[in-house]
Amino acid sequence: MLTVRKLLHVAETTFSEAGQGPARPVRRVAGIAVIDNPCAGRFVQDLAELFDFGRTLGDRLMPELARLLGAPAVSYGKAAIVGVNGDFEHGGALVHPKLGKPMRAAVGGGKAVIPSNVKLAPAGTPVDLPLGHKDEPWSFDHFDTWTLAVADAPRPNELVVIMAIADGGRLNPRCGTTPITA
């Protein structure tokens, strides 16, 4: 079992954009886990321990995020920041193979690929967490980004894992809902 140093929950409700209020505000919530990286400082071929812990984190955090959102989730996304003694693949191992299942369970579906981002960086570095519609991958109105950071993480031998859901897309979208072909 990996060690969790801290868990954070972030909630944001946006009431207007560009001076215009939408029909209703949009709420986003994120769960952030700061964990020790058991693979830091060395090459590890088998990252199964991180795959499994991604699933464990999702099982632990996603029901709480769904409760905090307070409305049905329509968008989702995930991200990881790997401390500088780690390897990019350590973040990928947490967010890709097994984290998706508990995220989809918590949002009641999830036909679309869960947008994600992983980066290697020092403590305090923000990550741009992409959000997209849970079932409609081409819903331009739901293409969004939420920039998140933890001031003291990741430390060199840590990983930050972030899961986010939202009850709507961008406020006052004007780019269309279907792809435009040239």
C-alpha atoms as a PDB file:
ATOM      1  CA  MET A   1       0.000   0.000   0.000  1.00  0.00           C
ATOM      2  CA  LEU A   2       1.334   3.416  -0.941  1.00  0.00           C
ATOM      3  CA  THR A   3       1.459   6.239   1.591  1.00  0.00           C
ATOM      4  CA  VAL A   4      -0.880   9.213   1.190  1.00  0.00           C
ATOM      5  CA  ARG A   5       0.614  12.392   2.652  1.00  0.00           C
ATOM      6  CA  LYS A   6      -2.492  14.498   2.120  1.00  0.00           C
ATOM      7  CA  LEU A   7      -5.853  14.694   0.392  1.00  0.00           C
ATOM      8  CA  LEU A   8      -7.387  17.931  -0.819  1.00  0.00           C
ATOM      9  CA  HIS A   9     -10.804  18.772  -2.206  1.00  0.00           C
ATOM     10  CA  VAL A  10     -11.260  21.859  -4.366  1.00  0.00           C
ATOM     11  CA  ALA A  11     -14.662  23.219  -5.366  1.00  0.00           C
ATOM     12  CA  GLU A  12     -15.361  26.076  -7.746  1.00  0.00           C
ATOM     13  CA  THR A  13     -18.663  27.616  -8.790  1.00  0.00           C
ATOM     14  CA  THR A  14     -18.539  30.076 -11.685  1.00  0.00           C
ATOM     15  CA  PHE A  15     -21.402  32.567 -11.975  1.00  0.00           C
ATOM     16  CA  SER A  16     -20.319  34.646 -14.985  1.00  0.00           C
ATOM     17  CA  GLU A  17     -17.790  34.786 -17.787  1.00  0.00           C
ATOM     18  CA  ALA A  18     -16.883  37.836 -19.873  1.00  0.00           C
ATOM     19  CA  GLY A  19     -19.495  39.822 -17.945  1.00  0.00           C
ATOM     20  CA  GLN A  20     -22.305  37.463 -18.941  1.00  0.00           C
ATOM     21  CA  GLY A  21     -24.196  35.221 -16.568  1.00  0.00           C
ATOM     22  CA  PRO A  22     -25.245  31.814 -17.878  1.00  0.00           C
ATOM     23  CA  ALA A  23     -28.660  30.213 -17.423  1.00  0.00           C
ATOM     24  CA  ARG A  24     -27.150  28.554 -14.348  1.00  0.00           C
ATOM     25  CA  PRO A  25     -23.707  28.557 -12.716  1.00  0.00           C
ATOM     26  CA  VAL A  26     -21.259  25.737 -13.416  1.00  0.00           C
ATOM     27  CA  ARG A  27     -19.698  23.825 -10.543  1.00  0.00           C
ATOM     28  CA  ARG A  28     -16.441  21.861 -10.701  1.00  0.00           C
ATOM     29  CA  VAL A  29     -14.885  19.758  -7.959  1.00  0.00           C
ATOM     30  CA  ALA A  30     -11.489  18.077  -7.776  1.00  0.00           C
ATOM     31  CA  GLY A  31      -9.945  15.511  -5.490  1.00  0.00           C
ATOM     32  CA  ILE A  32      -6.182  15.723  -5.120  1.00  0.00           C
ATOM     33  CA  ALA A  33      -3.990  13.052  -3.535  1.00  0.00           C
ATOM     34  CA  VAL A  34      -0.339  13.607  -2.674  1.00  0.00           C
ATOM     35  CA  ILE A  35       1.408  10.243  -2.357  1.00  0.00           C
ATOM     36  CA  ASP A  36       4.887   8.791  -1.964  1.00  0.00           C
ATOM     37  CA  ASN A  37       6.384   7.517  -5.215  1.00  0.00           C
ATOM     38  CA  PRO A  38       7.793   4.031  -4.532  1.00  0.00           C
ATOM     39  CA  CYS A  39       9.542   4.104  -7.920  1.00  0.00           C
ATOM     40  CA  ALA A  40      11.324   7.456  -7.530  1.00  0.00           C
ATOM     41  CA  GLY A  41      15.019   7.527  -8.305  1.00  0.00           C
ATOM     42  CA  ARG A  42      15.187   4.246 -10.188  1.00  0.00           C
ATOM     43  CA  PHE A  43      13.922   2.519 -13.313  1.00  0.00           C
ATOM     44  CA  VAL A  44      11.027   0.158 -12.578  1.00  0.00           C
ATOM     45  CA  GLN A  45       9.790  -2.070 -15.396  1.00  0.00           C
ATOM     46  CA  ASP A  46       6.624  -3.360 -13.700  1.00  0.00           C
ATOM     47  CA  LEU A  47       4.402  -0.448 -12.645  1.00  0.00           C
ATOM     48  CA  ALA A  48       1.441  -2.639 -11.587  1.00  0.00           C
ATOM     49  CA  GLU A  49       1.594  -1.285  -8.019  1.00  0.00           C
ATOM     50  CA  LEU A  50       0.863   2.193  -9.394  1.00  0.00           C
ATOM     51  CA  PHE A  51      -1.918   0.856 -11.683  1.00  0.00           C
ATOM     52  CA  ASP A  52      -3.641  -0.681  -8.668  1.00  0.00           C
ATOM     53  CA  PHE A  53      -3.190   2.394  -6.505  1.00  0.00           C
ATOM     54  CA  GLY A  54      -4.786   4.545  -9.216  1.00  0.00           C
ATOM     55  CA  ARG A  55      -7.874   2.364  -8.895  1.00  0.00           C
ATOM     56  CA  THR A  56      -7.738   2.565  -5.083  1.00  0.00           C
ATOM     57  CA  LEU A  57      -7.575   6.371  -5.208  1.00  0.00           C
ATOM     58  CA  GLY A  58     -10.505   6.502  -7.609  1.00  0.00           C
ATOM     59  CA  ASP A  59     -12.574   4.204  -5.414  1.00  0.00           C
ATOM     60  CA  ARG A  60     -11.758   6.401  -2.413  1.00  0.00           C
ATOM     61  CA  LEU A  61     -12.139   9.893  -3.887  1.00  0.00           C
ATOM     62  CA  MET A  62     -14.769   9.721  -6.635  1.00  0.00           C
ATOM     63  CA  PRO A  63     -17.864   9.005  -4.500  1.00  0.00           C
ATOM     64  CA  GLU A  64     -16.957  12.010  -2.332  1.00  0.00           C
ATOM     65  CA  LEU A  65     -16.475  14.207  -5.419  1.00  0.00           C
ATOM     66  CA  ALA A  66     -19.862  13.148  -6.776  1.00  0.00           C
ATOM     67  CA  ARG A  67     -21.413  14.089  -3.421  1.00  0.00           C
ATOM     68  CA  LEU A  68     -19.604  17.446  -3.311  1.00  0.00           C
ATOM     69  CA  LEU A  69     -20.677  18.300  -6.861  1.00  0.00           C
ATOM     70  CA  GLY A  70     -24.302  18.140  -5.744  1.00  0.00           C
ATOM     71  CA  ALA A  71     -25.625  17.576  -9.284  1.00  0.00           C
ATOM     72  CA  PRO A  72     -25.156  14.996 -12.009  1.00  0.00           C
ATOM     73  CA  ALA A  73     -21.649  15.138 -13.484  1.00  0.00           C
ATOM     74  CA  VAL A  74     -21.447  15.727 -17.219  1.00  0.00           C
ATOM     75  CA  SER A  75     -17.713  16.422 -17.608  1.00  0.00           C
ATOM     76  CA  TYR A  76     -14.615  14.761 -16.237  1.00  0.00           C
ATOM     77  CA  GLY A  77     -10.835  14.791 -16.394  1.00  0.00           C
ATOM     78  CA  LYS A  78      -7.693  13.632 -14.598  1.00  0.00           C
ATOM     79  CA  ALA A  79      -4.061  14.647 -14.216  1.00  0.00           C
ATOM     80  CA  ALA A  80      -0.845  13.784 -12.419  1.00  0.00           C
ATOM     81  CA  ILE A  81       2.294  15.649 -11.496  1.00  0.00           C
ATOM     82  CA  VAL A  82       5.402  13.544 -10.921  1.00  0.00           C
ATOM     83  CA  GLY A  83       8.082  14.843  -8.558  1.00  0.00           C
ATOM     84  CA  VAL A  84      11.508  15.457 -10.123  1.00  0.00           C
ATOM     85  CA  ASN A  85      13.036  12.164  -8.899  1.00  0.00           C
ATOM     86  CA  GLY A  86      10.294  10.265 -10.707  1.00  0.00           C
ATOM     87  CA  ASP A  87       9.587   9.231 -14.260  1.00  0.00           C
ATOM     88  CA  PHE A  88       6.776  10.495 -16.507  1.00  0.00           C
ATOM     89  CA  GLU A  89       5.490   6.906 -16.737  1.00  0.00           C
ATOM     90  CA  HIS A  90       4.806   6.876 -13.000  1.00  0.00           C
ATOM     91  CA  GLY A  91       2.070   9.473 -13.482  1.00  0.00           C
ATOM     92  CA  GLY A  92       0.724   7.649 -16.512  1.00  0.00           C
ATOM     93  CA  ALA A  93       0.595   4.419 -14.527  1.00  0.00           C
ATOM     94  CA  LEU A  94      -1.621   6.080 -11.921  1.00  0.00           C
ATOM     95  CA  VAL A  95      -4.084   7.775 -14.263  1.00  0.00           C
ATOM     96  CA  HIS A  96      -4.429   5.444 -17.248  1.00  0.00           C
ATOM     97  CA  PRO A  97      -4.817   1.694 -16.719  1.00  0.00           C
ATOM     98  CA  LYS A  98      -7.273   1.506 -13.796  1.00  0.00           C
ATOM     99  CA  LEU A  99      -8.387   4.958 -12.600  1.00  0.00           C
ATOM    100  CA  GLY A 100     -11.037   5.265 -15.317  1.00  0.00           C
ATOM    101  CA  LYS A 101     -13.329   2.547 -13.966  1.00  0.00           C
ATOM    102  CA  PRO A 102     -14.137   4.229 -10.625  1.00  0.00           C
ATOM    103  CA  MET A 103     -14.415   7.610 -12.360  1.00  0.00           C
ATOM    104  CA  ARG A 104     -16.976   6.245 -14.822  1.00  0.00           C
ATOM    105  CA  ALA A 105     -18.882   4.501 -12.030  1.00  0.00           C
ATOM    106  CA  ALA A 106     -19.131   7.750 -10.045  1.00  0.00           C
ATOM    107  CA  VAL A 107     -20.478   9.772 -12.999  1.00  0.00           C
ATOM    108  CA  GLY A 108     -22.922   7.116 -14.142  1.00  0.00           C
ATOM    109  CA  GLY A 109     -21.481   6.279 -17.526  1.00  0.00           C
ATOM    110  CA  GLY A 110     -18.565   7.699 -19.354  1.00  0.00           C
ATOM    111  CA  LYS A 111     -18.574   6.548 -22.970  1.00  0.00           C
ATOM    112  CA  ALA A 112     -15.909   9.107 -23.893  1.00  0.00           C
ATOM    113  CA  VAL A 113     -12.201   8.812 -23.143  1.00  0.00           C
ATOM    114  CA  ILE A 114     -11.337  10.658 -19.945  1.00  0.00           C
ATOM    115  CA  PRO A 115      -9.117  13.622 -20.883  1.00  0.00           C
ATOM    116  CA  SER A 116      -5.824  13.593 -19.013  1.00  0.00           C
ATOM    117  CA  ASN A 117      -2.497  15.301 -18.561  1.00  0.00           C
ATOM    118  CA  VAL A 118       0.739  14.180 -16.875  1.00  0.00           C
ATOM    119  CA  LYS A 119       3.867  16.220 -16.252  1.00  0.00           C
ATOM    120  CA  LEU A 120       7.168  16.002 -14.387  1.00  0.00           C
ATOM    121  CA  ALA A 121       7.693  19.087 -12.209  1.00  0.00           C
ATOM    122  CA  PRO A 122       8.835  20.499  -8.849  1.00  0.00           C
ATOM    123  CA  ALA A 123       6.555  21.363  -5.931  1.00  0.00           C
ATOM    124  CA  GLY A 124       4.018  24.083  -6.520  1.00  0.00           C
ATOM    125  CA  THR A 125       3.905  23.676 -10.288  1.00  0.00           C
ATOM    126  CA  PRO A 126       0.381  23.959 -11.678  1.00  0.00           C
ATOM    127  CA  VAL A 127      -1.052  21.373 -14.042  1.00  0.00           C
ATOM    128  CA  ASP A 128      -3.711  22.032 -16.663  1.00  0.00           C
ATOM    129  CA  LEU A 129      -6.359  19.380 -16.112  1.00  0.00           C
ATOM    130  CA  PRO A 130      -8.453  18.931 -19.260  1.00  0.00           C
ATOM    131  CA  LEU A 131     -12.188  18.368 -18.958  1.00  0.00           C
ATOM    132  CA  GLY A 132     -14.484  16.854 -21.542  1.00  0.00           C
ATOM    133  CA  HIS A 133     -18.045  15.563 -21.760  1.00  0.00           C
ATOM    134  CA  LYS A 134     -18.344  12.118 -20.205  1.00  0.00           C
ATOM    135  CA  ASP A 135     -20.364  10.618 -23.066  1.00  0.00           C
ATOM    136  CA  GLU A 136     -19.974  12.907 -26.103  1.00  0.00           C
ATOM    137  CA  PRO A 137     -16.299  13.241 -27.099  1.00  0.00           C
ATOM    138  CA  TRP A 138     -17.121  15.880 -29.746  1.00  0.00           C
ATOM    139  CA  SER A 139     -19.094  18.221 -27.487  1.00  0.00           C
ATOM    140  CA  PHE A 140     -17.034  21.368 -28.041  1.00  0.00           C
ATOM    141  CA  ASP A 141     -19.039  23.165 -25.343  1.00  0.00           C
ATOM    142  CA  HIS A 142     -17.469  20.850 -22.768  1.00  0.00           C
ATOM    143  CA  PHE A 143     -13.808  21.175 -23.864  1.00  0.00           C
ATOM    144  CA  ASP A 144     -12.361  22.962 -20.862  1.00  0.00           C
ATOM    145  CA  THR A 145      -9.241  23.239 -18.708  1.00  0.00           C
ATOM    146  CA  TRP A 146      -8.863  23.740 -14.986  1.00  0.00           C
ATOM    147  CA  THR A 147      -5.454  24.800 -13.684  1.00  0.00           C
ATOM    148  CA  LEU A 148      -4.687  23.292 -10.281  1.00  0.00           C
ATOM    149  CA  ALA A 149      -1.633  23.198  -8.007  1.00  0.00           C
ATOM    150  CA  VAL A 150      -0.555  22.137  -4.528  1.00  0.00           C
ATOM    151  CA  ALA A 151       1.888  24.606  -2.975  1.00  0.00           C
ATOM    152  CA  ASP A 152       4.118  21.993  -1.316  1.00  0.00           C
ATOM    153  CA  ALA A 153       3.746  19.097  -3.747  1.00  0.00           C
ATOM    154  CA  PRO A 154       4.972  17.082  -5.367  1.00  0.00           C
ATOM    155  CA  ARG A 155       8.153  16.836  -3.378  1.00  0.00           C
ATOM    156  CA  PRO A 156      10.957  15.117  -5.357  1.00  0.00           C
ATOM    157  CA  ASN A 157       9.844  11.599  -4.339  1.00  0.00           C
ATOM    158  CA  GLU A 158       6.089  12.194  -4.549  1.00  0.00           C
ATOM    159  CA  LEU A 159       3.224  12.061  -7.003  1.00  0.00           C
ATOM    160  CA  VAL A 160       0.139  14.260  -7.197  1.00  0.00           C
ATOM    161  CA  VAL A 161      -2.987  12.657  -8.657  1.00  0.00           C
ATOM    162  CA  ILE A 162      -6.034  14.772  -9.510  1.00  0.00           C
ATOM    163  CA  MET A 163      -9.560  13.733 -10.516  1.00  0.00           C
ATOM    164  CA  ALA A 164     -12.180  16.320 -11.461  1.00  0.00           C
ATOM    165  CA  ILE A 165     -15.835  16.404 -12.450  1.00  0.00           C
ATOM    166  CA  ALA A 166     -18.190  19.227 -13.448  1.00  0.00           C
ATOM    167  CA  ASP A 167     -21.938  19.685 -13.808  1.00  0.00           C
ATOM    168  CA  GLY A 168     -21.589  21.650 -17.044  1.00  0.00           C
ATOM    169  CA  GLY A 169     -19.233  22.815 -19.747  1.00  0.00           C
ATOM    170  CA  ARG A 170     -17.782  26.256 -20.371  1.00  0.00           C
ATOM    171  CA  LEU A 171     -20.007  29.223 -19.550  1.00  0.00           C
ATOM    172  CA  ASN A 172     -21.644  30.883 -22.549  1.00  0.00           C
ATOM    173  CA  PRO A 173     -19.966  28.666 -25.179  1.00  0.00           C
ATOM    174  CA  ARG A 174     -20.040  29.940 -28.746  1.00  0.00           C
ATOM    175  CA  CYS A 175     -17.893  27.477 -30.688  1.00  0.00           C
ATOM    176  CA  GLY A 176     -20.641  25.032 -31.666  1.00  0.00           C
ATOM    177  CA  THR A 177     -21.424  21.542 -30.460  1.00  0.00           C
ATOM    178  CA  THR A 178     -20.333  19.517 -33.473  1.00  0.00           C
ATOM    179  CA  PRO A 179     -17.061  19.411 -35.352  1.00  0.00           C
ATOM    180  CA  ILE A 180     -16.675  21.752 -38.291  1.00  0.00           C
ATOM    181  CA  THR A 181     -14.879  20.246 -41.245  1.00  0.00           C
ATOM    182  CA  ALA A 182     -12.815  22.372 -43.576  1.00  0.00           C
END
